[in-house]
Amino acid sequence: MPQPSLSKLWNTTTGLPVLGPLVGKRAFSVFFSQFAPYFASIHATVTVLEPNHAELVIPDKRRVHNHIGTVHAIALCNGLEMAMGALAEVTIPETKRWIPKGMTVSYTAKATGDITCVAETDQAQWDTAEGDLPVRVKGVLADGTVVIEGAINLWVTTKKSAATA
């Protein structure tokens, strides 16, 4: 049985009046983190999910800290990859597929609080993609301080069944 699209799951969980948008976003996030179980290690909540733009929040908890008490670099990268994956799933045309190819990031400030991880693309990138597609990513504190920024490069190709159809 095919899985429902991520967009449909987002719309269902965040639109249920019984749950409300906050509980719905948390429920969606728990479910989505099972796509790649390592995502669950940061306990992030997806807050925005739309084509070409995704955001999630990594809570500032001891479980994601490093030895100096800030959010660990790998937790930040995990959050960026989770945001990128959600963005890719709701943006990519049905005739294409993607896989992460690499990540380049710079740590620009101490991550001392909840971190909002943002992933962004432009639709033209997806419409013409065949090969490398860079996704812009960053992690931001509540005061707007960018603590990590960079790009996650995807390898995008046409699905074999779409190429022969």
C-alpha atoms as a PDB file:
ATOM      1  CA  MET A   1       0.000   0.000   0.000  1.00  0.00           C
ATOM      2  CA  PRO A   2       1.521   3.377  -0.956  1.00  0.00           C
ATOM      3  CA  GLN A   3       2.334   5.875   1.785  1.00  0.00           C
ATOM      4  CA  PRO A   4       0.316   9.081   1.850  1.00  0.00           C
ATOM      5  CA  SER A   5       2.205  12.107   0.637  1.00  0.00           C
ATOM      6  CA  LEU A   6       3.985  14.144   3.258  1.00  0.00           C
ATOM      7  CA  SER A   7       1.935  17.205   2.272  1.00  0.00           C
ATOM      8  CA  LYS A   8      -1.284  15.297   2.865  1.00  0.00           C
ATOM      9  CA  LEU A   9      -0.044  14.020   6.224  1.00  0.00           C
ATOM     10  CA  TRP A  10       0.976  17.571   7.248  1.00  0.00           C
ATOM     11  CA  ASN A  11      -2.393  18.997   6.220  1.00  0.00           C
ATOM     12  CA  THR A  12      -4.269  16.236   8.044  1.00  0.00           C
ATOM     13  CA  THR A  13      -2.347  16.346  11.319  1.00  0.00           C
ATOM     14  CA  THR A  14      -2.155  20.138  11.561  1.00  0.00           C
ATOM     15  CA  GLY A  15      -5.750  20.646  10.436  1.00  0.00           C
ATOM     16  CA  LEU A  16      -7.559  18.328  12.841  1.00  0.00           C
ATOM     17  CA  PRO A  17      -9.688  20.441  15.194  1.00  0.00           C
ATOM     18  CA  VAL A  18      -9.447  17.755  17.889  1.00  0.00           C
ATOM     19  CA  LEU A  19      -5.659  18.040  17.990  1.00  0.00           C
ATOM     20  CA  GLY A  20      -5.218  21.705  17.213  1.00  0.00           C
ATOM     21  CA  PRO A  21      -2.267  23.027  15.209  1.00  0.00           C
ATOM     22  CA  LEU A  22       0.353  22.759  17.987  1.00  0.00           C
ATOM     23  CA  VAL A  23      -0.390  19.155  18.922  1.00  0.00           C
ATOM     24  CA  GLY A  24      -0.853  18.332  15.229  1.00  0.00           C
ATOM     25  CA  LYS A  25       2.623  19.700  14.402  1.00  0.00           C
ATOM     26  CA  ARG A  26       4.147  17.624  17.202  1.00  0.00           C
ATOM     27  CA  ALA A  27       2.278  14.488  16.045  1.00  0.00           C
ATOM     28  CA  PHE A  28       3.458  15.065  12.475  1.00  0.00           C
ATOM     29  CA  SER A  29       7.038  15.573  13.700  1.00  0.00           C
ATOM     30  CA  VAL A  30       7.048  12.324  15.675  1.00  0.00           C
ATOM     31  CA  PHE A  31       5.716  10.452  12.642  1.00  0.00           C
ATOM     32  CA  PHE A  32       8.139  12.121  10.220  1.00  0.00           C
ATOM     33  CA  SER A  33      11.112  11.391  12.472  1.00  0.00           C
ATOM     34  CA  GLN A  34      10.406   7.696  11.905  1.00  0.00           C
ATOM     35  CA  PHE A  35      11.296   8.095   8.201  1.00  0.00           C
ATOM     36  CA  ALA A  36      14.908   8.386   9.360  1.00  0.00           C
ATOM     37  CA  PRO A  37      14.908   7.293  13.015  1.00  0.00           C
ATOM     38  CA  TYR A  38      18.031   9.316  13.845  1.00  0.00           C
ATOM     39  CA  PHE A  39      15.855  12.432  13.427  1.00  0.00           C
ATOM     40  CA  ALA A  40      14.064  11.430  16.637  1.00  0.00           C
ATOM     41  CA  SER A  41      17.252  12.047  18.648  1.00  0.00           C
ATOM     42  CA  ILE A  42      16.776  15.837  18.503  1.00  0.00           C
ATOM     43  CA  HIS A  43      13.051  15.892  19.408  1.00  0.00           C
ATOM     44  CA  ALA A  44      12.382  18.597  16.813  1.00  0.00           C
ATOM     45  CA  THR A  45       8.964  19.982  15.949  1.00  0.00           C
ATOM     46  CA  VAL A  46       8.200  20.896  12.343  1.00  0.00           C
ATOM     47  CA  THR A  47       6.547  24.337  12.399  1.00  0.00           C
ATOM     48  CA  VAL A  48       6.337  25.249   8.699  1.00  0.00           C
ATOM     49  CA  LEU A  49       6.080  22.872   5.748  1.00  0.00           C
ATOM     50  CA  GLU A  50       5.338  24.060   2.250  1.00  0.00           C
ATOM     51  CA  PRO A  51       6.945  23.659  -1.155  1.00  0.00           C
ATOM     52  CA  ASN A  52      10.415  25.215  -1.178  1.00  0.00           C
ATOM     53  CA  HIS A  53      10.336  26.120   2.536  1.00  0.00           C
ATOM     54  CA  ALA A  54      10.470  24.107   5.757  1.00  0.00           C
ATOM     55  CA  GLU A  55      11.187  25.049   9.351  1.00  0.00           C
ATOM     56  CA  LEU A  56      11.541  23.073  12.540  1.00  0.00           C
ATOM     57  CA  VAL A  57      12.616  23.847  16.085  1.00  0.00           C
ATOM     58  CA  ILE A  58      15.216  21.914  18.050  1.00  0.00           C
ATOM     59  CA  PRO A  59      14.526  22.518  21.750  1.00  0.00           C
ATOM     60  CA  ASP A  60      17.505  23.557  23.865  1.00  0.00           C
ATOM     61  CA  LYS A  61      17.680  20.504  26.135  1.00  0.00           C
ATOM     62  CA  ARG A  62      20.629  18.802  27.786  1.00  0.00           C
ATOM     63  CA  ARG A  63      20.212  15.726  25.552  1.00  0.00           C
ATOM     64  CA  VAL A  64      21.389  17.777  22.524  1.00  0.00           C
ATOM     65  CA  HIS A  65      24.196  19.661  24.293  1.00  0.00           C
ATOM     66  CA  ASN A  66      27.928  19.390  23.825  1.00  0.00           C
ATOM     67  CA  HIS A  67      30.611  19.681  26.514  1.00  0.00           C
ATOM     68  CA  ILE A  68      30.268  23.486  26.756  1.00  0.00           C
ATOM     69  CA  GLY A  69      26.493  23.460  27.189  1.00  0.00           C
ATOM     70  CA  THR A  70      25.468  24.640  23.720  1.00  0.00           C
ATOM     71  CA  VAL A  71      23.484  22.720  21.114  1.00  0.00           C
ATOM     72  CA  HIS A  72      25.880  20.204  19.590  1.00  0.00           C
ATOM     73  CA  ALA A  73      27.055  20.702  16.012  1.00  0.00           C
ATOM     74  CA  ILE A  74      25.794  17.284  14.933  1.00  0.00           C
ATOM     75  CA  ALA A  75      22.357  17.959  16.454  1.00  0.00           C
ATOM     76  CA  LEU A  76      22.277  21.162  14.388  1.00  0.00           C
ATOM     77  CA  CYS A  77      23.244  19.263  11.218  1.00  0.00           C
ATOM     78  CA  ASN A  78      20.592  16.638  12.000  1.00  0.00           C
ATOM     79  CA  GLY A  79      17.986  19.407  12.277  1.00  0.00           C
ATOM     80  CA  LEU A  80      19.094  20.952   8.990  1.00  0.00           C
ATOM     81  CA  GLU A  81      18.902  17.587   7.265  1.00  0.00           C
ATOM     82  CA  MET A  82      15.444  16.909   8.704  1.00  0.00           C
ATOM     83  CA  ALA A  83      14.196  20.289   7.444  1.00  0.00           C
ATOM     84  CA  MET A  84      15.769  19.659   4.035  1.00  0.00           C
ATOM     85  CA  GLY A  85      14.214  16.195   3.801  1.00  0.00           C
ATOM     86  CA  ALA A  86      10.748  17.504   4.598  1.00  0.00           C
ATOM     87  CA  LEU A  87      11.164  20.311   2.051  1.00  0.00           C
ATOM     88  CA  ALA A  88      12.377  17.878  -0.621  1.00  0.00           C
ATOM     89  CA  GLU A  89       9.471  15.498  -0.083  1.00  0.00           C
ATOM     90  CA  VAL A  90       6.809  18.204  -0.453  1.00  0.00           C
ATOM     91  CA  THR A  91       8.549  20.024  -3.320  1.00  0.00           C
ATOM     92  CA  ILE A  92      10.009  17.476  -5.729  1.00  0.00           C
ATOM     93  CA  PRO A  93       7.997  16.753  -8.898  1.00  0.00           C
ATOM     94  CA  GLU A  94       6.470  13.246  -8.948  1.00  0.00           C
ATOM     95  CA  THR A  95       8.679  12.294 -11.906  1.00  0.00           C
ATOM     96  CA  LYS A  96      11.917  12.833  -9.975  1.00  0.00           C
ATOM     97  CA  ARG A  97      13.741  11.353  -6.999  1.00  0.00           C
ATOM     98  CA  TRP A  98      16.406  12.724  -4.686  1.00  0.00           C
ATOM     99  CA  ILE A  99      19.150  11.616  -2.332  1.00  0.00           C
ATOM    100  CA  PRO A 100      21.478  13.741  -0.189  1.00  0.00           C
ATOM    101  CA  LYS A 101      24.947  14.018  -1.674  1.00  0.00           C
ATOM    102  CA  GLY A 102      26.776  16.230   0.809  1.00  0.00           C
ATOM    103  CA  MET A 103      26.578  19.037   3.305  1.00  0.00           C
ATOM    104  CA  THR A 104      28.701  22.143   3.765  1.00  0.00           C
ATOM    105  CA  VAL A 105      28.087  24.249   6.857  1.00  0.00           C
ATOM    106  CA  SER A 106      29.705  27.014   8.856  1.00  0.00           C
ATOM    107  CA  TYR A 107      29.161  27.462  12.568  1.00  0.00           C
ATOM    108  CA  THR A 108      28.732  31.201  12.984  1.00  0.00           C
ATOM    109  CA  ALA A 109      27.739  31.648  16.654  1.00  0.00           C
ATOM    110  CA  LYS A 110      27.157  29.647  19.837  1.00  0.00           C
ATOM    111  CA  ALA A 111      23.867  27.770  19.742  1.00  0.00           C
ATOM    112  CA  THR A 112      22.535  28.835  23.147  1.00  0.00           C
ATOM    113  CA  GLY A 113      18.785  28.344  22.968  1.00  0.00           C
ATOM    114  CA  ASP A 114      16.064  26.772  20.887  1.00  0.00           C
ATOM    115  CA  ILE A 115      17.222  26.621  17.267  1.00  0.00           C
ATOM    116  CA  THR A 116      14.919  27.127  14.293  1.00  0.00           C
ATOM    117  CA  CYS A 117      16.290  25.149  11.357  1.00  0.00           C
ATOM    118  CA  VAL A 118      15.264  26.516   7.959  1.00  0.00           C
ATOM    119  CA  ALA A 119      15.595  24.892   4.522  1.00  0.00           C
ATOM    120  CA  GLU A 120      14.808  26.813   1.325  1.00  0.00           C
ATOM    121  CA  THR A 121      14.880  26.332  -2.424  1.00  0.00           C
ATOM    122  CA  ASP A 122      13.378  28.011  -5.476  1.00  0.00           C
ATOM    123  CA  GLN A 123      10.856  26.140  -7.622  1.00  0.00           C
ATOM    124  CA  ALA A 124      12.956  26.716 -10.755  1.00  0.00           C
ATOM    125  CA  GLN A 125      15.699  24.577  -9.179  1.00  0.00           C
ATOM    126  CA  TRP A 126      13.325  21.609  -8.996  1.00  0.00           C
ATOM    127  CA  ASP A 127      11.710  22.181 -12.378  1.00  0.00           C
ATOM    128  CA  THR A 128      15.055  21.923 -14.171  1.00  0.00           C
ATOM    129  CA  ALA A 129      16.923  19.640 -11.758  1.00  0.00           C
ATOM    130  CA  GLU A 130      18.925  16.766 -13.171  1.00  0.00           C
ATOM    131  CA  GLY A 131      21.957  16.255 -10.978  1.00  0.00           C
ATOM    132  CA  ASP A 132      23.121  18.651  -8.267  1.00  0.00           C
ATOM    133  CA  LEU A 133      20.555  20.744  -6.444  1.00  0.00           C
ATOM    134  CA  PRO A 134      21.742  22.849  -3.477  1.00  0.00           C
ATOM    135  CA  VAL A 135      19.272  23.429  -0.649  1.00  0.00           C
ATOM    136  CA  ARG A 136      20.003  26.549   1.429  1.00  0.00           C
ATOM    137  CA  VAL A 137      19.952  25.800   5.154  1.00  0.00           C
ATOM    138  CA  LYS A 138      20.462  27.763   8.346  1.00  0.00           C
ATOM    139  CA  GLY A 139      19.840  27.557  12.070  1.00  0.00           C
ATOM    140  CA  VAL A 140      18.634  30.652  13.888  1.00  0.00           C
ATOM    141  CA  LEU A 141      18.125  31.693  17.524  1.00  0.00           C
ATOM    142  CA  ALA A 142      14.943  33.500  18.611  1.00  0.00           C
ATOM    143  CA  ASP A 143      16.766  36.859  18.441  1.00  0.00           C
ATOM    144  CA  GLY A 144      17.660  36.276  14.777  1.00  0.00           C
ATOM    145  CA  THR A 145      21.279  35.235  15.355  1.00  0.00           C
ATOM    146  CA  VAL A 146      22.357  32.704  12.730  1.00  0.00           C
ATOM    147  CA  VAL A 147      24.312  29.928  14.474  1.00  0.00           C
ATOM    148  CA  ILE A 148      24.844  27.648  11.474  1.00  0.00           C
ATOM    149  CA  GLU A 149      24.403  28.128   7.731  1.00  0.00           C
ATOM    150  CA  GLY A 150      25.296  26.383   4.541  1.00  0.00           C
ATOM    151  CA  ALA A 151      23.934  24.085   1.860  1.00  0.00           C
ATOM    152  CA  ILE A 152      22.882  20.476   1.560  1.00  0.00           C
ATOM    153  CA  ASN A 153      23.515  19.193  -1.944  1.00  0.00           C
ATOM    154  CA  LEU A 154      21.016  16.755  -3.357  1.00  0.00           C
ATOM    155  CA  TRP A 155      21.394  14.489  -6.336  1.00  0.00           C
ATOM    156  CA  VAL A 156      18.128  14.704  -8.289  1.00  0.00           C
ATOM    157  CA  THR A 157      17.323  12.382 -11.188  1.00  0.00           C
ATOM    158  CA  THR A 158      14.314  11.399 -13.243  1.00  0.00           C
ATOM    159  CA  LYS A 159      12.661   8.188 -12.053  1.00  0.00           C
ATOM    160  CA  LYS A 160      13.266   5.313 -14.458  1.00  0.00           C
ATOM    161  CA  SER A 161       9.545   4.656 -14.844  1.00  0.00           C
ATOM    162  CA  ALA A 162       8.995   8.347 -15.669  1.00  0.00           C
ATOM    163  CA  ALA A 163      11.861   8.349 -18.188  1.00  0.00           C
ATOM    164  CA  THR A 164      10.409   5.395 -20.101  1.00  0.00           C
ATOM    165  CA  ALA A 165       6.763   6.506 -19.916  1.00  0.00           C
END
